Amino acid sequence: MMATAPAGQKTIGQNTVRQATIYRMVMPGHFCPYGLKATDLLRRQGYAVDDQWLTTRAETDAFKAKHGVTTTPQTFIGGARVGGYDDLRRFFGKTVRDPKALTYRPVIALFSMTALMALAASHAMLGTPFTIRAAEWFIGFSMCVLALLKFQNIESFSSMFLNYDLLAKRWVPYSYVYPFAEGGAGVLMIAGVLTWISVPVALFIGTIGAVSVFKAVYVDKRALKCACVGGDSNVPLGFISLTENVMMVAMALWMVAAPAALSVAH
């Protein structure tokens, strides 16, 4: 008597193949990305996928009504519904990130990339990646990218910024000026020109920012989100958030001190 394969599996010759059925929307005006992700995940987990397309809105609505679900894709294994893409990830024991969870990942990713950019620029221009100029470029690049992220939605940034910045609370337009000041100072610092503008600007906004963050986090003990990478981020306001402001202050002081040190040496 032939053995019966467990639910969700099919025997082909001497091999047992795990099977799954997925229902996902594939329409002329809409191609569900989560359906593609779920299909790819199943295949990477060693499943043969019975890929069922829902090609019309009526067909999709009928499927949802039949199974009592509100979203697609939906995956079935062994005749039992597993659920959508996040449910499928949980089924395989994989992490499902909460989109509202606080994380430093955007800041870490940004500084990692700008550091690599600075090292690359130094290697291209000076023949070696590890130079003082690379450190200067790292800060300048970081300031420009941080400003760029704020420019993506300056209204959202200003609203979040007003939660803790001491100057912005007293003069609201400063919350709109800040990205321009940060980006402009960063560009001038990268170019190494007009330091009489970039240094005071970086020193001013960096000092106010550092004091504001310190007061909000360590004095007032407030749990806030940082607007440093834009107003739509979930970066918590804290020690790492001080980095943006400390870098600007350090760069401004360095640009003042370095020429003075060189003149004394000569």
Protein backbone atom coordinates (compact mmCIF):
# COMPACT_ATOMS: atom_id res chain seq x y z
CA MET A 1 0.00 0.00 0.00
CA MET A 2 1.37 3.38 -0.97
CA ALA A 3 2.07 5.84 1.87
CA THR A 4 0.13 9.09 1.85
CA ALA A 5 2.16 12.27 1.87
CA PRO A 6 1.53 14.68 4.78
CA ALA A 7 -0.74 17.68 4.23
CA GLY A 8 0.92 20.28 2.05
CA GLN A 9 3.18 17.71 0.40
CA LYS A 10 3.01 15.62 -2.74
CA THR A 11 4.96 12.47 -3.56
CA ILE A 12 6.57 12.39 -7.00
CA GLY A 13 8.39 9.12 -7.52
CA GLN A 14 10.69 8.76 -4.51
CA ASN A 15 10.64 12.48 -3.71
CA THR A 16 8.24 14.34 -1.45
CA VAL A 17 7.57 17.88 -2.67
CA ARG A 18 6.12 20.48 -0.34
CA GLN A 19 3.26 22.36 -1.96
CA ALA A 20 1.54 25.67 -1.38
CA THR A 21 -1.20 27.56 -3.15
CA ILE A 22 -1.16 31.32 -3.33
CA TYR A 23 -3.90 33.64 -4.54
CA ARG A 24 -2.66 37.06 -5.60
CA MET A 25 -3.82 40.01 -7.66
CA VAL A 26 -2.37 40.28 -11.16
CA MET A 27 -4.36 42.92 -13.04
CA PRO A 28 -3.51 45.24 -15.92
CA GLY A 29 -3.52 48.24 -13.56
CA HIS A 30 -2.21 46.54 -10.44
CA PHE A 31 0.51 43.99 -9.82
CA CYS A 32 0.64 43.13 -6.11
CA PRO A 33 4.25 43.38 -4.84
CA TYR A 34 3.48 41.37 -1.71
CA GLY A 35 2.17 38.57 -3.90
CA LEU A 36 5.56 38.43 -5.62
CA LYS A 37 7.36 38.52 -2.27
CA ALA A 38 5.20 35.72 -0.88
CA THR A 39 5.72 33.56 -3.98
CA ASP A 40 9.47 34.11 -3.83
CA LEU A 41 9.57 33.28 -0.11
CA LEU A 42 7.68 30.03 -0.64
CA ARG A 43 10.04 28.94 -3.40
CA ARG A 44 13.10 29.83 -1.34
CA GLN A 45 11.67 27.67 1.44
CA GLY A 46 11.49 24.73 -0.97
CA TYR A 47 7.80 24.81 -1.85
CA ALA A 48 6.26 24.09 -5.22
CA VAL A 49 3.85 26.97 -5.72
CA ASP A 50 0.42 26.70 -7.29
CA ASP A 51 0.21 30.33 -8.35
CA GLN A 52 -3.43 31.41 -8.70
CA TRP A 53 -3.96 34.83 -10.25
CA LEU A 54 -6.91 37.06 -9.42
CA THR A 55 -7.19 39.04 -12.63
CA THR A 56 -10.26 41.21 -12.05
CA ARG A 57 -11.66 43.26 -9.20
CA ALA A 58 -14.83 41.14 -9.17
CA GLU A 59 -12.79 37.95 -8.94
CA THR A 60 -10.73 39.42 -6.09
CA ASP A 61 -13.80 40.58 -4.17
CA ALA A 62 -15.45 37.16 -4.60
CA PHE A 63 -12.30 35.43 -3.26
CA LYS A 64 -12.17 37.74 -0.22
CA ALA A 65 -15.86 37.16 0.54
CA LYS A 66 -15.52 33.38 0.20
CA HIS A 67 -12.59 33.14 2.60
CA GLY A 68 -13.55 35.99 4.94
CA VAL A 69 -10.39 38.00 4.33
CA THR A 70 -9.82 41.66 3.55
CA THR A 71 -6.46 41.50 1.79
CA THR A 72 -4.46 39.53 -0.74
CA PRO A 73 -2.20 37.68 -1.27
CA GLN A 74 -3.41 34.67 0.69
CA THR A 75 -1.38 31.48 1.03
CA PHE A 76 -2.71 27.99 1.72
CA ILE A 77 -0.56 25.05 2.84
CA GLY A 78 -2.09 21.62 3.29
CA GLY A 79 -5.53 23.09 2.65
CA ALA A 80 -5.19 25.44 5.63
CA ARG A 81 -4.95 29.18 5.16
CA VAL A 82 -1.68 30.64 6.41
CA GLY A 83 -2.53 34.24 5.52
CA GLY A 84 -0.79 37.18 3.91
CA TYR A 85 2.88 37.94 3.41
CA ASP A 86 3.58 38.90 7.04
CA ASP A 87 1.70 35.81 8.25
CA LEU A 88 3.78 33.69 5.89
CA ARG A 89 7.00 35.15 7.30
CA ARG A 90 5.82 34.31 10.81
CA PHE A 91 4.90 30.80 9.64
CA PHE A 92 8.52 30.29 8.60
CA GLY A 93 9.85 31.83 11.81
CA LYS A 94 11.10 35.02 10.20
CA THR A 95 11.04 38.47 11.73
CA VAL A 96 8.21 40.81 10.79
CA ARG A 97 9.19 44.41 11.39
CA ASP A 98 6.61 46.71 12.91
CA PRO A 99 6.51 49.79 10.63
CA LYS A 100 5.79 51.95 13.69
CA ALA A 101 8.63 50.57 15.79
CA LEU A 102 11.41 52.98 16.76
CA THR A 103 14.74 52.21 15.10
CA TYR A 104 18.15 53.75 14.53
CA ARG A 105 18.51 51.87 11.23
CA PRO A 106 18.02 54.96 8.98
CA VAL A 107 20.73 56.89 10.82
CA ILE A 108 23.16 53.95 10.79
CA ALA A 109 22.52 53.37 7.07
CA LEU A 110 22.99 57.06 6.26
CA PHE A 111 26.27 57.49 8.14
CA SER A 112 27.61 54.20 6.78
CA MET A 113 26.94 55.31 3.20
CA THR A 114 28.32 58.83 3.62
CA ALA A 115 31.45 57.39 5.26
CA LEU A 116 31.96 55.08 2.27
CA MET A 117 31.35 58.01 -0.10
CA ALA A 118 33.99 60.08 1.72
CA LEU A 119 36.52 57.24 1.62
CA ALA A 120 35.83 56.71 -2.08
CA ALA A 121 36.21 60.41 -2.86
CA SER A 122 39.46 60.56 -0.90
CA HIS A 123 40.82 57.52 -2.74
CA ALA A 124 39.87 59.01 -6.11
CA MET A 125 41.27 62.47 -5.42
CA LEU A 126 44.19 61.81 -3.05
CA GLY A 127 45.17 58.24 -3.81
CA THR A 128 44.29 56.89 -0.36
CA PRO A 129 40.94 56.60 1.45
CA PHE A 130 42.18 57.37 4.96
CA THR A 131 42.88 61.10 5.04
CA ILE A 132 41.82 64.10 7.07
CA ARG A 133 40.00 65.33 3.98
CA ALA A 134 37.93 62.12 4.02
CA ALA A 135 36.82 62.91 7.57
CA GLU A 136 35.85 66.43 6.48
CA TRP A 137 33.96 65.10 3.46
CA PHE A 138 32.18 62.56 5.64
CA ILE A 139 30.68 65.32 7.76
CA GLY A 140 29.88 67.49 4.73
CA PHE A 141 28.26 64.61 2.85
CA SER A 142 26.26 63.66 5.95
CA MET A 143 24.96 67.19 6.35
CA CYS A 144 23.88 67.32 2.70
CA VAL A 145 22.11 63.94 2.79
CA LEU A 146 20.40 64.78 6.09
CA ALA A 147 19.17 68.05 4.55
CA LEU A 148 17.97 66.17 1.46
CA LEU A 149 15.88 63.82 3.60
CA LYS A 150 14.30 66.81 5.33
CA PHE A 151 13.51 68.42 1.96
CA GLN A 152 11.45 65.36 0.94
CA ASN A 153 8.66 66.61 3.19
CA ILE A 154 9.68 69.84 4.82
CA GLU A 155 6.21 70.37 6.32
CA SER A 156 6.36 67.04 8.12
CA PHE A 157 9.93 67.74 9.24
CA SER A 158 9.03 71.15 10.66
CA SER A 159 6.12 69.70 12.64
CA MET A 160 8.34 67.06 14.26
CA PHE A 161 11.19 69.53 14.74
CA LEU A 162 8.92 71.91 16.66
CA ASN A 163 8.42 69.24 19.31
CA TYR A 164 11.87 69.79 20.77
CA ASP A 165 13.98 72.49 19.10
CA LEU A 166 14.26 75.45 21.45
CA LEU A 167 14.71 78.15 18.79
CA ALA A 168 11.98 76.80 16.50
CA LYS A 169 9.51 76.89 19.39
CA ARG A 170 10.18 80.61 19.76
CA TRP A 171 10.45 81.38 16.05
CA VAL A 172 8.53 78.90 13.89
CA PRO A 173 10.12 79.93 10.53
CA TYR A 174 13.40 78.50 11.83
CA SER A 175 11.93 75.01 11.40
CA TYR A 176 11.72 75.73 7.65
CA VAL A 177 15.09 77.51 7.45
CA TYR A 178 17.02 74.71 9.17
CA PRO A 179 17.28 72.25 6.21
CA PHE A 180 18.51 75.05 3.92
CA ALA A 181 21.10 76.13 6.49
CA GLU A 182 22.30 72.57 7.06
CA GLY A 183 22.48 71.69 3.37
CA GLY A 184 24.09 74.98 2.38
CA ALA A 185 26.75 74.75 5.07
CA GLY A 186 27.43 71.14 4.07
CA VAL A 187 27.98 72.07 0.40
CA LEU A 188 30.34 74.92 1.32
CA MET A 189 32.28 72.66 3.69
CA ILE A 190 32.72 70.00 1.01
CA ALA A 191 33.98 72.65 -1.41
CA GLY A 192 36.15 74.28 1.25
CA VAL A 193 34.98 77.76 0.29
CA LEU A 194 33.23 80.66 2.03
CA THR A 195 34.11 79.35 5.48
CA TRP A 196 33.10 82.73 6.90
CA ILE A 197 29.52 81.64 6.09
CA SER A 198 29.60 77.86 6.61
CA VAL A 199 31.43 77.89 9.95
CA PRO A 200 29.10 80.32 11.82
CA VAL A 201 26.00 78.62 10.34
CA ALA A 202 27.13 75.11 11.28
CA LEU A 203 28.23 76.25 14.73
CA PHE A 204 24.95 78.08 15.34
CA ILE A 205 22.48 75.39 14.23
CA GLY A 206 24.62 72.58 15.64
CA THR A 207 24.90 74.14 19.10
CA ILE A 208 21.19 74.95 19.33
CA GLY A 209 20.32 71.46 18.11
CA ALA A 210 22.60 69.74 20.62
CA VAL A 211 21.26 71.79 23.54
CA SER A 212 17.67 71.18 22.40
CA VAL A 213 18.10 67.41 22.16
CA PHE A 214 19.94 67.23 25.49
CA LYS A 215 17.21 69.19 27.24
CA ALA A 216 14.36 67.20 25.72
CA VAL A 217 15.90 63.78 26.37
CA TYR A 218 18.02 64.10 29.51
CA VAL A 219 16.41 67.01 31.38
CA ASP A 220 12.73 66.79 30.46
CA LYS A 221 12.87 62.98 29.96
CA ARG A 222 10.58 63.16 26.92
CA ALA A 223 10.13 60.22 24.55
CA LEU A 224 10.13 61.81 21.09
CA LYS A 225 11.00 60.96 17.52
CA CYS A 226 13.98 62.68 15.94
CA ALA A 227 13.44 64.77 12.82
CA CYS A 228 17.10 64.40 11.81
CA VAL A 229 16.36 62.06 8.88
CA GLY A 230 13.05 63.67 7.96
CA GLY A 231 9.63 64.02 9.47
CA ASP A 232 8.41 60.57 8.44
CA SER A 233 11.05 58.57 10.30
CA ASN A 234 10.78 56.43 13.43
CA VAL A 235 14.21 57.33 14.77
CA PRO A 236 14.05 57.93 18.53
CA LEU A 237 15.39 61.19 19.88
CA GLY A 238 18.41 60.34 22.00
CA PHE A 239 22.18 60.06 22.21
CA ILE A 240 22.67 58.99 18.60
CA SER A 241 20.44 61.86 17.52
CA LEU A 242 23.01 64.22 18.99
CA THR A 243 25.49 63.00 16.37
CA GLU A 244 24.09 65.26 13.65
CA ASN A 245 24.58 68.36 15.77
CA VAL A 246 27.89 67.33 17.32
CA MET A 247 29.34 66.65 13.86
CA MET A 248 28.39 70.12 12.66
CA VAL A 249 29.91 71.79 15.71
CA ALA A 250 33.08 69.68 15.44
CA MET A 251 33.45 70.43 11.75
CA ALA A 252 32.98 74.16 12.31
CA LEU A 253 35.57 74.24 15.07
CA TRP A 254 37.99 72.14 12.99
CA MET A 255 37.70 74.49 10.03
CA VAL A 256 38.63 77.37 12.32
CA ALA A 257 41.39 75.53 14.16
CA ALA A 258 43.09 73.80 11.21
CA PRO A 259 44.20 76.94 9.32
CA ALA A 260 45.34 78.53 12.57
CA ALA A 261 47.40 75.46 13.44
CA LEU A 262 48.99 75.45 10.00
CA SER A 263 49.93 79.13 10.21
CA VAL A 264 51.57 78.59 13.61
CA ALA A 265 53.49 75.58 12.26
CA HIS A 266 54.89 77.68 9.43
